[in-house]
C-alpha atoms as a PDB file:
ATOM      1  CA  UNK A   1      -5.779  -5.127  10.823  1.00  0.00           C
ATOM      2  CA  UNK A   2      -8.606  -5.489  12.639  1.00  0.00           C
ATOM      3  CA  UNK A   3      -8.829  -1.565  13.414  1.00  0.00           C
ATOM      4  CA  UNK A   4      -8.892  -1.245   9.489  1.00  0.00           C
ATOM      5  CA  UNK A   5     -11.336  -3.767   8.649  1.00  0.00           C
ATOM      6  CA  UNK A   6     -13.782  -2.139  11.302  1.00  0.00           C
ATOM      7  CA  UNK A   7     -12.825   1.634   9.626  1.00  0.00           C
ATOM      8  CA  UNK A   8     -14.162  -0.047   5.754  1.00  0.00           C
ATOM      9  CA  UNK A   9     -17.488  -1.767   7.864  1.00  0.00           C
ATOM     10  CA  UNK A  10     -18.200   1.488   9.459  1.00  0.00           C
ATOM     11  CA  UNK A  11     -17.500   3.211   5.889  1.00  0.00           C
ATOM     12  CA  UNK A  12     -19.717   1.344   4.312  1.00  0.00           C
ATOM     13  CA  UNK A  13     -22.625   1.617   6.587  1.00  0.00           C
ATOM     14  CA  UNK A  14     -22.278   5.514   6.475  1.00  0.00           C
ATOM     15  CA  UNK A  15     -22.561   5.863   2.704  1.00  0.00           C
ATOM     16  CA  UNK A  16     -25.539   3.859   3.203  1.00  0.00           C
ATOM     17  CA  UNK A  17     -26.615   5.681   5.674  1.00  0.00           C
ATOM     18  CA  UNK A  18     -25.845   8.855   3.736  1.00  0.00           C
ATOM     19  CA  UNK A  19     -29.003  11.187   2.430  1.00  0.00           C
ATOM     20  CA  UNK A  20     -30.356  10.745   0.144  1.00  0.00           C
ATOM     21  CA  UNK A  21     -29.565  14.013  -1.732  1.00  0.00           C
ATOM     22  CA  UNK A  22     -25.787  12.943  -1.319  1.00  0.00           C
ATOM     23  CA  UNK A  23     -26.202  10.205  -3.338  1.00  0.00           C
ATOM     24  CA  UNK A  24     -28.298  11.770  -6.225  1.00  0.00           C
ATOM     25  CA  UNK A  25     -26.489  11.194  -9.873  1.00  0.00           C
ATOM     26  CA  UNK A  26     -24.649  13.259 -11.319  1.00  0.00           C
ATOM     27  CA  UNK A  27     -26.034  14.758 -14.384  1.00  0.00           C
ATOM     28  CA  UNK A  28     -23.613  13.329 -16.732  1.00  0.00           C
ATOM     29  CA  UNK A  29     -24.388  12.370 -20.730  1.00  0.00           C
ATOM     30  CA  UNK A  30     -23.601   8.978 -21.278  1.00  0.00           C
ATOM     31  CA  UNK A  31     -20.853   8.755 -24.785  1.00  0.00           C
ATOM     32  CA  UNK A  32     -23.114   8.220 -28.022  1.00  0.00           C
ATOM     33  CA  UNK A  33     -23.278   4.803 -29.529  1.00  0.00           C
ATOM     34  CA  UNK A  34     -20.603   3.843 -32.502  1.00  0.00           C
ATOM     35  CA  UNK A  35     -17.068   3.745 -32.390  1.00  0.00           C
ATOM     36  CA  UNK A  36     -15.551   7.418 -32.837  1.00  0.00           C
ATOM     37  CA  UNK A  37     -12.848   8.456 -35.642  1.00  0.00           C
ATOM     38  CA  UNK A  38     -10.462   9.539 -33.524  1.00  0.00           C
ATOM     39  CA  UNK A  39      -9.592   6.186 -32.081  1.00  0.00           C
ATOM     40  CA  UNK A  40      -8.460   4.878 -35.637  1.00  0.00           C
ATOM     41  CA  UNK A  41      -6.064   7.420 -35.537  1.00  0.00           C
ATOM     42  CA  UNK A  42      -4.518   6.107 -32.520  1.00  0.00           C
ATOM     43  CA  UNK A  43      -1.178   4.751 -32.554  1.00  0.00           C
ATOM     44  CA  UNK A  44      -1.190   1.094 -31.598  1.00  0.00           C
ATOM     45  CA  UNK A  45       0.195  -0.451 -28.467  1.00  0.00           C
ATOM     46  CA  UNK A  46       0.756  -4.455 -27.987  1.00  0.00           C
ATOM     47  CA  UNK A  47       2.436  -4.879 -24.350  1.00  0.00           C
ATOM     48  CA  UNK A  48       4.578  -7.784 -24.036  1.00  0.00           C
ATOM     49  CA  UNK A  49       2.777 -10.596 -21.988  1.00  0.00           C
ATOM     50  CA  UNK A  50       5.793 -11.417 -20.269  1.00  0.00           C
ATOM     51  CA  UNK A  51       6.592  -8.026 -19.082  1.00  0.00           C
ATOM     52  CA  UNK A  52       3.131  -7.636 -17.310  1.00  0.00           C
ATOM     53  CA  UNK A  53       3.632 -11.124 -15.932  1.00  0.00           C
ATOM     54  CA  UNK A  54       6.768  -9.825 -14.167  1.00  0.00           C
ATOM     55  CA  UNK A  55       4.524  -6.509 -13.477  1.00  0.00           C
ATOM     56  CA  UNK A  56       1.802  -8.389 -11.892  1.00  0.00           C
ATOM     57  CA  UNK A  57      -0.587  -7.716 -14.631  1.00  0.00           C
ATOM     58  CA  UNK A  58      -3.086 -10.543 -14.721  1.00  0.00           C
ATOM     59  CA  UNK A  59      -6.026  -9.395 -16.427  1.00  0.00           C
ATOM     60  CA  UNK A  60      -4.259  -8.890 -20.134  1.00  0.00           C
ATOM     61  CA  UNK A  61      -4.418 -12.631 -20.112  1.00  0.00           C
ATOM     62  CA  UNK A  62      -6.929 -14.866 -18.173  1.00  0.00           C
ATOM     63  CA  UNK A  63      -4.183 -18.003 -17.750  1.00  0.00           C
ATOM     64  CA  UNK A  64      -3.544 -16.649 -14.117  1.00  0.00           C
ATOM     65  CA  UNK A  65      -6.697 -17.454 -11.396  1.00  0.00           C
ATOM     66  CA  UNK A  66      -5.850 -13.825  -9.874  1.00  0.00           C
ATOM     67  CA  UNK A  67      -7.563 -11.918 -12.161  1.00  0.00           C
ATOM     68  CA  UNK A  68     -10.480 -13.509 -11.214  1.00  0.00           C
ATOM     69  CA  UNK A  69     -10.798 -10.226  -8.384  1.00  0.00           C
ATOM     70  CA  UNK A  70     -10.722  -7.515 -10.947  1.00  0.00           C
ATOM     71  CA  UNK A  71     -13.446  -8.901 -12.731  1.00  0.00           C
ATOM     72  CA  UNK A  72     -15.558  -8.767 -10.269  1.00  0.00           C
ATOM     73  CA  UNK A  73     -14.247  -5.321  -8.915  1.00  0.00           C
ATOM     74  CA  UNK A  74     -15.060  -4.342 -12.480  1.00  0.00           C
ATOM     75  CA  UNK A  75     -18.512  -5.563 -13.086  1.00  0.00           C
ATOM     76  CA  UNK A  76     -19.365  -3.821  -9.631  1.00  0.00           C
ATOM     77  CA  UNK A  77     -17.829  -0.443 -10.220  1.00  0.00           C
ATOM     78  CA  UNK A  78     -19.614  -0.783 -14.091  1.00  0.00           C
ATOM     79  CA  UNK A  79     -22.733  -1.644 -12.028  1.00  0.00           C
ATOM     80  CA  UNK A  80     -22.379   2.057  -9.424  1.00  0.00           C
ATOM     81  CA  UNK A  81     -20.923   4.038 -12.928  1.00  0.00           C
ATOM     82  CA  UNK A  82     -23.904   3.305 -15.061  1.00  0.00           C
ATOM     83  CA  UNK A  83     -26.804   3.156 -11.408  1.00  0.00           C
ATOM     84  CA  UNK A  84     -25.237   6.942 -11.092  1.00  0.00           C
ATOM     85  CA  UNK A  85     -24.707   7.751 -14.826  1.00  0.00           C
ATOM     86  CA  UNK A  86     -21.445   8.853 -14.162  1.00  0.00           C
ATOM     87  CA  UNK A  87     -18.402   8.020 -16.548  1.00  0.00           C
ATOM     88  CA  UNK A  88     -15.018   8.345 -14.447  1.00  0.00           C
ATOM     89  CA  UNK A  89     -13.472   7.136 -11.796  1.00  0.00           C
ATOM     90  CA  UNK A  90      -9.614   7.429  -9.949  1.00  0.00           C
ATOM     91  CA  UNK A  91      -7.744   5.387  -8.318  1.00  0.00           C
ATOM     92  CA  UNK A  92      -5.440   6.483  -5.511  1.00  0.00           C
ATOM     93  CA  UNK A  93      -4.507   5.986  -1.475  1.00  0.00           C
ATOM     94  CA  UNK A  94      -3.473   7.656   1.736  1.00  0.00           C
ATOM     95  CA  UNK A  95       0.447   6.806   0.841  1.00  0.00           C
ATOM     96  CA  UNK A  96       2.813   5.678  -1.376  1.00  0.00           C
ATOM     97  CA  UNK A  97       2.892   1.908  -1.935  1.00  0.00           C
ATOM     98  CA  UNK A  98      -0.480   0.387  -1.590  1.00  0.00           C
ATOM     99  CA  UNK A  99      -0.640  -1.135  -5.036  1.00  0.00           C
ATOM    100  CA  UNK A 100      -3.146   1.846  -6.748  1.00  0.00           C
ATOM    101  CA  UNK A 101      -1.402   1.843 -10.004  1.00  0.00           C
ATOM    102  CA  UNK A 102      -1.021  -1.969 -10.480  1.00  0.00           C
ATOM    103  CA  UNK A 103      -5.183  -1.820  -9.375  1.00  0.00           C
ATOM    104  CA  UNK A 104      -5.280   0.452 -11.700  1.00  0.00           C
ATOM    105  CA  UNK A 105      -3.785  -0.865 -14.929  1.00  0.00           C
ATOM    106  CA  UNK A 106      -5.707  -4.166 -13.490  1.00  0.00           C
ATOM    107  CA  UNK A 107      -8.752  -2.632 -13.416  1.00  0.00           C
ATOM    108  CA  UNK A 108      -8.340  -1.274 -17.032  1.00  0.00           C
ATOM    109  CA  UNK A 109      -7.017  -4.574 -18.590  1.00  0.00           C
ATOM    110  CA  UNK A 110     -10.193  -6.296 -17.431  1.00  0.00           C
ATOM    111  CA  UNK A 111     -12.391  -3.277 -19.001  1.00  0.00           C
ATOM    112  CA  UNK A 112     -10.452  -3.931 -22.098  1.00  0.00           C
ATOM    113  CA  UNK A 113     -11.693  -7.541 -22.189  1.00  0.00           C
ATOM    114  CA  UNK A 114     -14.955  -6.515 -22.633  1.00  0.00           C
ATOM    115  CA  UNK A 115     -15.483  -5.095 -26.414  1.00  0.00           C
ATOM    116  CA  UNK A 116     -18.839  -3.160 -26.331  1.00  0.00           C
ATOM    117  CA  UNK A 117     -17.149  -0.744 -23.463  1.00  0.00           C
ATOM    118  CA  UNK A 118     -14.926   2.359 -24.826  1.00  0.00           C
ATOM    119  CA  UNK A 119     -11.956   2.411 -22.062  1.00  0.00           C
ATOM    120  CA  UNK A 120      -9.128   5.335 -20.919  1.00  0.00           C
ATOM    121  CA  UNK A 121      -6.391   5.211 -18.590  1.00  0.00           C
ATOM    122  CA  UNK A 122      -4.519   8.197 -17.827  1.00  0.00           C
ATOM    123  CA  UNK A 123      -1.795   8.572 -15.864  1.00  0.00           C
ATOM    124  CA  UNK A 124      -2.414  11.482 -13.129  1.00  0.00           C
ATOM    125  CA  UNK A 125       0.505  10.922 -10.957  1.00  0.00           C
ATOM    126  CA  UNK A 126       2.680  13.946 -12.242  1.00  0.00           C
ATOM    127  CA  UNK A 127       5.212  13.622  -9.258  1.00  0.00           C
ATOM    128  CA  UNK A 128       5.594   9.410  -9.507  1.00  0.00           C
ATOM    129  CA  UNK A 129       4.562   8.351 -12.641  1.00  0.00           C
ATOM    130  CA  UNK A 130       4.318   4.460 -12.873  1.00  0.00           C
ATOM    131  CA  UNK A 131       2.311   3.288 -15.553  1.00  0.00           C
ATOM    132  CA  UNK A 132       4.418   3.721 -18.319  1.00  0.00           C
ATOM    133  CA  UNK A 133       7.309   1.469 -16.881  1.00  0.00           C
ATOM    134  CA  UNK A 134       4.565  -0.890 -15.606  1.00  0.00           C
ATOM    135  CA  UNK A 135       3.090  -1.167 -19.474  1.00  0.00           C
ATOM    136  CA  UNK A 136       6.808  -0.885 -20.661  1.00  0.00           C
ATOM    137  CA  UNK A 137       5.121   1.897 -23.211  1.00  0.00           C
ATOM    138  CA  UNK A 138       7.022   5.171 -23.605  1.00  0.00           C
ATOM    139  CA  UNK A 139       5.687   7.662 -26.171  1.00  0.00           C
ATOM    140  CA  UNK A 140       7.379  11.162 -27.639  1.00  0.00           C
ATOM    141  CA  UNK A 141       4.385  13.214 -25.744  1.00  0.00           C
ATOM    142  CA  UNK A 142       3.543  12.720 -21.642  1.00  0.00           C
ATOM    143  CA  UNK A 143      -0.014  13.310 -20.187  1.00  0.00           C
ATOM    144  CA  UNK A 144       1.711  16.631 -18.553  1.00  0.00           C
ATOM    145  CA  UNK A 145       1.823  17.794 -22.274  1.00  0.00           C
ATOM    146  CA  UNK A 146      -1.714  16.832 -23.334  1.00  0.00           C
ATOM    147  CA  UNK A 147      -3.242  18.416 -20.031  1.00  0.00           C
ATOM    148  CA  UNK A 148      -1.050  21.444 -20.416  1.00  0.00           C
ATOM    149  CA  UNK A 149      -2.509  21.858 -24.261  1.00  0.00           C
ATOM    150  CA  UNK A 150       1.165  21.053 -25.794  1.00  0.00           C
ATOM    151  CA  UNK A 151      -0.432  17.989 -27.657  1.00  0.00           C
ATOM    152  CA  UNK A 152      -2.798  16.258 -28.462  1.00  0.00           C
ATOM    153  CA  UNK A 153      -4.751  13.059 -27.795  1.00  0.00           C
ATOM    154  CA  UNK A 154      -3.590  11.295 -30.632  1.00  0.00           C
ATOM    155  CA  UNK A 155      -0.291  12.431 -29.832  1.00  0.00           C
ATOM    156  CA  UNK A 156      -0.454  11.441 -26.171  1.00  0.00           C
ATOM    157  CA  UNK A 157      -3.138   8.553 -25.814  1.00  0.00           C
ATOM    158  CA  UNK A 158      -2.293   4.722 -27.830  1.00  0.00           C
ATOM    159  CA  UNK A 159      -4.625   2.381 -28.290  1.00  0.00           C
ATOM    160  CA  UNK A 160      -4.322  -1.339 -26.340  1.00  0.00           C
ATOM    161  CA  UNK A 161      -6.167  -4.049 -28.430  1.00  0.00           C
ATOM    162  CA  UNK A 162      -9.449  -2.151 -29.971  1.00  0.00           C
ATOM    163  CA  UNK A 163     -11.110  -0.581 -26.611  1.00  0.00           C
ATOM    164  CA  UNK A 164      -8.700   0.877 -24.583  1.00  0.00           C
ATOM    165  CA  UNK A 165      -6.259   4.118 -24.679  1.00  0.00           C
ATOM    166  CA  UNK A 166      -3.747   4.287 -22.265  1.00  0.00           C
ATOM    167  CA  UNK A 167      -1.938   7.990 -21.920  1.00  0.00           C
ATOM    168  CA  UNK A 168       1.492   7.950 -19.994  1.00  0.00           C
ATOM    169  CA  UNK A 169       3.959   9.987 -18.670  1.00  0.00           C
ATOM    170  CA  UNK A 170       7.650   9.823 -19.738  1.00  0.00           C
ATOM    171  CA  UNK A 171       8.723  12.118 -16.290  1.00  0.00           C
ATOM    172  CA  UNK A 172       7.677  13.529 -13.253  1.00  0.00           C
ATOM    173  CA  UNK A 173       6.078  17.689 -14.223  1.00  0.00           C
ATOM    174  CA  UNK A 174       7.227  20.100 -11.254  1.00  0.00           C
ATOM    175  CA  UNK A 175       4.204  22.311  -9.809  1.00  0.00           C
ATOM    176  CA  UNK A 176       2.024  19.497 -10.733  1.00  0.00           C
ATOM    177  CA  UNK A 177      -0.603  21.054  -8.240  1.00  0.00           C
ATOM    178  CA  UNK A 178      -1.042  23.972 -10.592  1.00  0.00           C
ATOM    179  CA  UNK A 179      -1.258  22.277 -14.226  1.00  0.00           C
ATOM    180  CA  UNK A 180      -3.764  20.072 -13.160  1.00  0.00           C
ATOM    181  CA  UNK A 181      -6.170  23.354 -11.764  1.00  0.00           C
ATOM    182  CA  UNK A 182      -5.030  25.174 -14.995  1.00  0.00           C
ATOM    183  CA  UNK A 183      -8.441  25.782 -16.543  1.00  0.00           C
ATOM    184  CA  UNK A 184      -6.340  24.408 -20.178  1.00  0.00           C
ATOM    185  CA  UNK A 185      -6.404  20.849 -18.279  1.00  0.00           C
ATOM    186  CA  UNK A 186     -10.160  21.270 -18.054  1.00  0.00           C
ATOM    187  CA  UNK A 187     -10.387  21.660 -21.393  1.00  0.00           C
ATOM    188  CA  UNK A 188      -7.771  19.155 -22.619  1.00  0.00           C
ATOM    189  CA  UNK A 189     -10.051  16.336 -20.516  1.00  0.00           C
ATOM    190  CA  UNK A 190     -13.269  17.421 -22.164  1.00  0.00           C
ATOM    191  CA  UNK A 191     -11.521  17.436 -25.433  1.00  0.00           C
ATOM    192  CA  UNK A 192     -10.394  13.799 -24.816  1.00  0.00           C
ATOM    193  CA  UNK A 193     -14.253  12.556 -23.371  1.00  0.00           C
ATOM    194  CA  UNK A 194     -15.477  14.445 -26.946  1.00  0.00           C
ATOM    195  CA  UNK A 195     -13.233  13.036 -29.223  1.00  0.00           C
ATOM    196  CA  UNK A 196     -12.705   9.485 -27.867  1.00  0.00           C
ATOM    197  CA  UNK A 197     -16.503   9.055 -26.078  1.00  0.00           C
ATOM    198  CA  UNK A 198     -15.072   7.144 -23.487  1.00  0.00           C
ATOM    199  CA  UNK A 199     -17.659   4.380 -21.245  1.00  0.00           C
ATOM    200  CA  UNK A 200     -15.049   4.566 -18.632  1.00  0.00           C
ATOM    201  CA  UNK A 201     -12.260   6.879 -17.909  1.00  0.00           C
ATOM    202  CA  UNK A 202     -10.155   5.723 -15.003  1.00  0.00           C
ATOM    203  CA  UNK A 203      -7.083   7.888 -13.488  1.00  0.00           C
ATOM    204  CA  UNK A 204      -4.290   6.552 -11.644  1.00  0.00           C
ATOM    205  CA  UNK A 205      -3.720   9.500  -8.941  1.00  0.00           C
ATOM    206  CA  UNK A 206      -0.669  10.204  -6.692  1.00  0.00           C
ATOM    207  CA  UNK A 207      -1.721   9.378  -3.053  1.00  0.00           C
ATOM    208  CA  UNK A 208      -4.198  11.524  -0.847  1.00  0.00           C
ATOM    209  CA  UNK A 209      -1.418  12.548   1.754  1.00  0.00           C
ATOM    210  CA  UNK A 210       1.657  13.405  -0.533  1.00  0.00           C
ATOM    211  CA  UNK A 211       0.655  15.897  -1.980  1.00  0.00           C
ATOM    212  CA  UNK A 212      -2.527  18.371  -2.948  1.00  0.00           C
ATOM    213  CA  UNK A 213      -2.318  16.640  -6.982  1.00  0.00           C
ATOM    214  CA  UNK A 214      -5.520  14.205  -5.820  1.00  0.00           C
ATOM    215  CA  UNK A 215      -7.514  16.655  -4.456  1.00  0.00           C
ATOM    216  CA  UNK A 216      -6.801  19.019  -7.077  1.00  0.00           C
ATOM    217  CA  UNK A 217      -8.374  16.371  -9.515  1.00  0.00           C
ATOM    218  CA  UNK A 218     -10.948  15.244  -7.999  1.00  0.00           C
ATOM    219  CA  UNK A 219     -13.070  18.140  -9.496  1.00  0.00           C
ATOM    220  CA  UNK A 220     -12.947  16.015 -12.802  1.00  0.00           C
ATOM    221  CA  UNK A 221     -14.160  12.620 -12.003  1.00  0.00           C
ATOM    222  CA  UNK A 222     -17.369  10.700 -10.929  1.00  0.00           C
ATOM    223  CA  UNK A 223     -15.938   8.954  -8.084  1.00  0.00           C
ATOM    224  CA  UNK A 224     -13.002   8.400  -6.592  1.00  0.00           C
ATOM    225  CA  UNK A 225     -11.541   4.850  -5.318  1.00  0.00           C
ATOM    226  CA  UNK A 226      -9.118   4.647  -2.289  1.00  0.00           C
ATOM    227  CA  UNK A 227      -6.742   1.949  -2.103  1.00  0.00           C
ATOM    228  CA  UNK A 228      -5.766   0.836   1.621  1.00  0.00           C
ATOM    229  CA  UNK A 229      -2.654  -1.644   1.790  1.00  0.00           C
ATOM    230  CA  UNK A 230      -2.815  -4.814   4.542  1.00  0.00           C
ATOM    231  CA  UNK A 231       0.287  -3.907   7.297  1.00  0.00           C
ATOM    232  CA  UNK A 232       0.809  -1.007   5.243  1.00  0.00           C
ATOM    233  CA  UNK A 233      -2.088   1.677   5.621  1.00  0.00           C
ATOM    234  CA  UNK A 234      -2.513   2.984   8.977  1.00  0.00           C
ATOM    235  CA  UNK A 235      -5.868   4.024  10.755  1.00  0.00           C
ATOM    236  CA  UNK A 236      -5.424   7.738  10.892  1.00  0.00           C
ATOM    237  CA  UNK A 237      -3.788   7.805   7.337  1.00  0.00           C
ATOM    238  CA  UNK A 238      -7.487   5.926   5.951  1.00  0.00           C
ATOM    239  CA  UNK A 239      -9.127   8.183   8.092  1.00  0.00           C
ATOM    240  CA  UNK A 240      -7.970  11.506   7.145  1.00  0.00           C
ATOM    241  CA  UNK A 241      -8.081  10.001   3.514  1.00  0.00           C
ATOM    242  CA  UNK A 242     -11.687   9.341   3.430  1.00  0.00           C
ATOM    243  CA  UNK A 243     -12.331  12.824   5.054  1.00  0.00           C
ATOM    244  CA  UNK A 244     -10.412  14.699   2.402  1.00  0.00           C
ATOM    245  CA  UNK A 245     -11.599  13.086  -0.433  1.00  0.00           C
ATOM    246  CA  UNK A 246     -15.149  13.376   0.772  1.00  0.00           C
ATOM    247  CA  UNK A 247     -14.856  16.882   1.547  1.00  0.00           C
ATOM    248  CA  UNK A 248     -13.710  17.457  -2.394  1.00  0.00           C
ATOM    249  CA  UNK A 249     -15.715  14.830  -4.238  1.00  0.00           C
ATOM    250  CA  UNK A 250     -17.459  11.191  -4.314  1.00  0.00           C
ATOM    251  CA  UNK A 251     -15.801   8.593  -2.079  1.00  0.00           C
ATOM    252  CA  UNK A 252     -17.299   5.760  -4.404  1.00  0.00           C
ATOM    253  CA  UNK A 253     -15.074   2.892  -2.324  1.00  0.00           C
ATOM    254  CA  UNK A 254     -12.444   1.474   0.004  1.00  0.00           C
ATOM    255  CA  UNK A 255     -10.550  -1.116  -1.361  1.00  0.00           C
ATOM    256  CA  UNK A 256      -8.549  -3.543   1.330  1.00  0.00           C
ATOM    257  CA  UNK A 257      -5.355  -4.479  -1.027  1.00  0.00           C
ATOM    258  CA  UNK A 258      -3.002  -7.547  -0.069  1.00  0.00           C
ATOM    259  CA  UNK A 259      -5.471  -8.615   2.647  1.00  0.00           C
ATOM    260  CA  UNK A 260      -4.503 -12.742   2.596  1.00  0.00           C
ATOM    261  CA  UNK A 261      -1.005 -12.924   1.783  1.00  0.00           C
ATOM    262  CA  UNK A 262      -1.189 -16.539   1.935  1.00  0.00           C
ATOM    263  CA  UNK A 263      -3.995 -16.834  -0.260  1.00  0.00           C
ATOM    264  CA  UNK A 264      -3.130 -18.047  -3.726  1.00  0.00           C
ATOM    265  CA  UNK A 265      -4.445 -15.555  -5.557  1.00  0.00           C
ATOM    266  CA  UNK A 266      -2.470 -11.920  -5.592  1.00  0.00           C
ATOM    267  CA  UNK A 267      -5.071  -9.629  -4.489  1.00  0.00           C
ATOM    268  CA  UNK A 268      -8.168  -9.999  -1.979  1.00  0.00           C
ATOM    269  CA  UNK A 269     -10.279  -7.218  -1.788  1.00  0.00           C
ATOM    270  CA  UNK A 270     -13.335  -6.212   0.844  1.00  0.00           C
ATOM    271  CA  UNK A 271     -15.315  -3.409  -0.910  1.00  0.00           C
ATOM    272  CA  UNK A 272     -17.387  -0.637   0.445  1.00  0.00           C
ATOM    273  CA  UNK A 273     -20.006   0.794  -2.295  1.00  0.00           C
END
């Protein structure tokens, strides 16, 4: 565990010491004010609170004190996005079962409590989709259909509350990396941003070391958050994942998940920005 913490501290120092040119904000257009009409065309979905509780989604309501770390992460992430003029972030991990989907979902629902921000959460784990199962959301058309141009934004995404749009997958997709790399997928993503004009887009990606899907999708996001699991993620897995992400895009942060299992909270984090 101390080696993992040391690696995270090293990554923090590396980012702080990076040349200014490497940290220069990208030219990303910020969403225009006013609620787009497309939001009113999205079908409403209300998650079952009992299901969310069983799945450890603690940010839908604020009764559970475990929501606090996610709210802190939300605030720090928003500051990073605003500072750099960014709007999209992907969440991934070196290997499976690190908690990336739960963190993505909790983070999105934390953002959704801020009514002034429009948030989109999309399940980009086309090989092992879990977001729909976690939320209890099933749709006729999947994110994979939308990326391939076979489904529209309004057919794919559902509105949770007033300011969160969620897209899930019904089943795994074959040749997912090829689908992600197809120019049609880039057109679908651009159309979604134009129609919904989100302030924040959160993509739940597959693990970095499981396939090339996560690295293929890195071109579509401003930053990537890497989730390491205490007691599970190996130092070499973390180092290799960091290297691959830095080569393909911007590593926005490393989150150490499940650090203190004796804590009353579900999660404790160490952040790197």
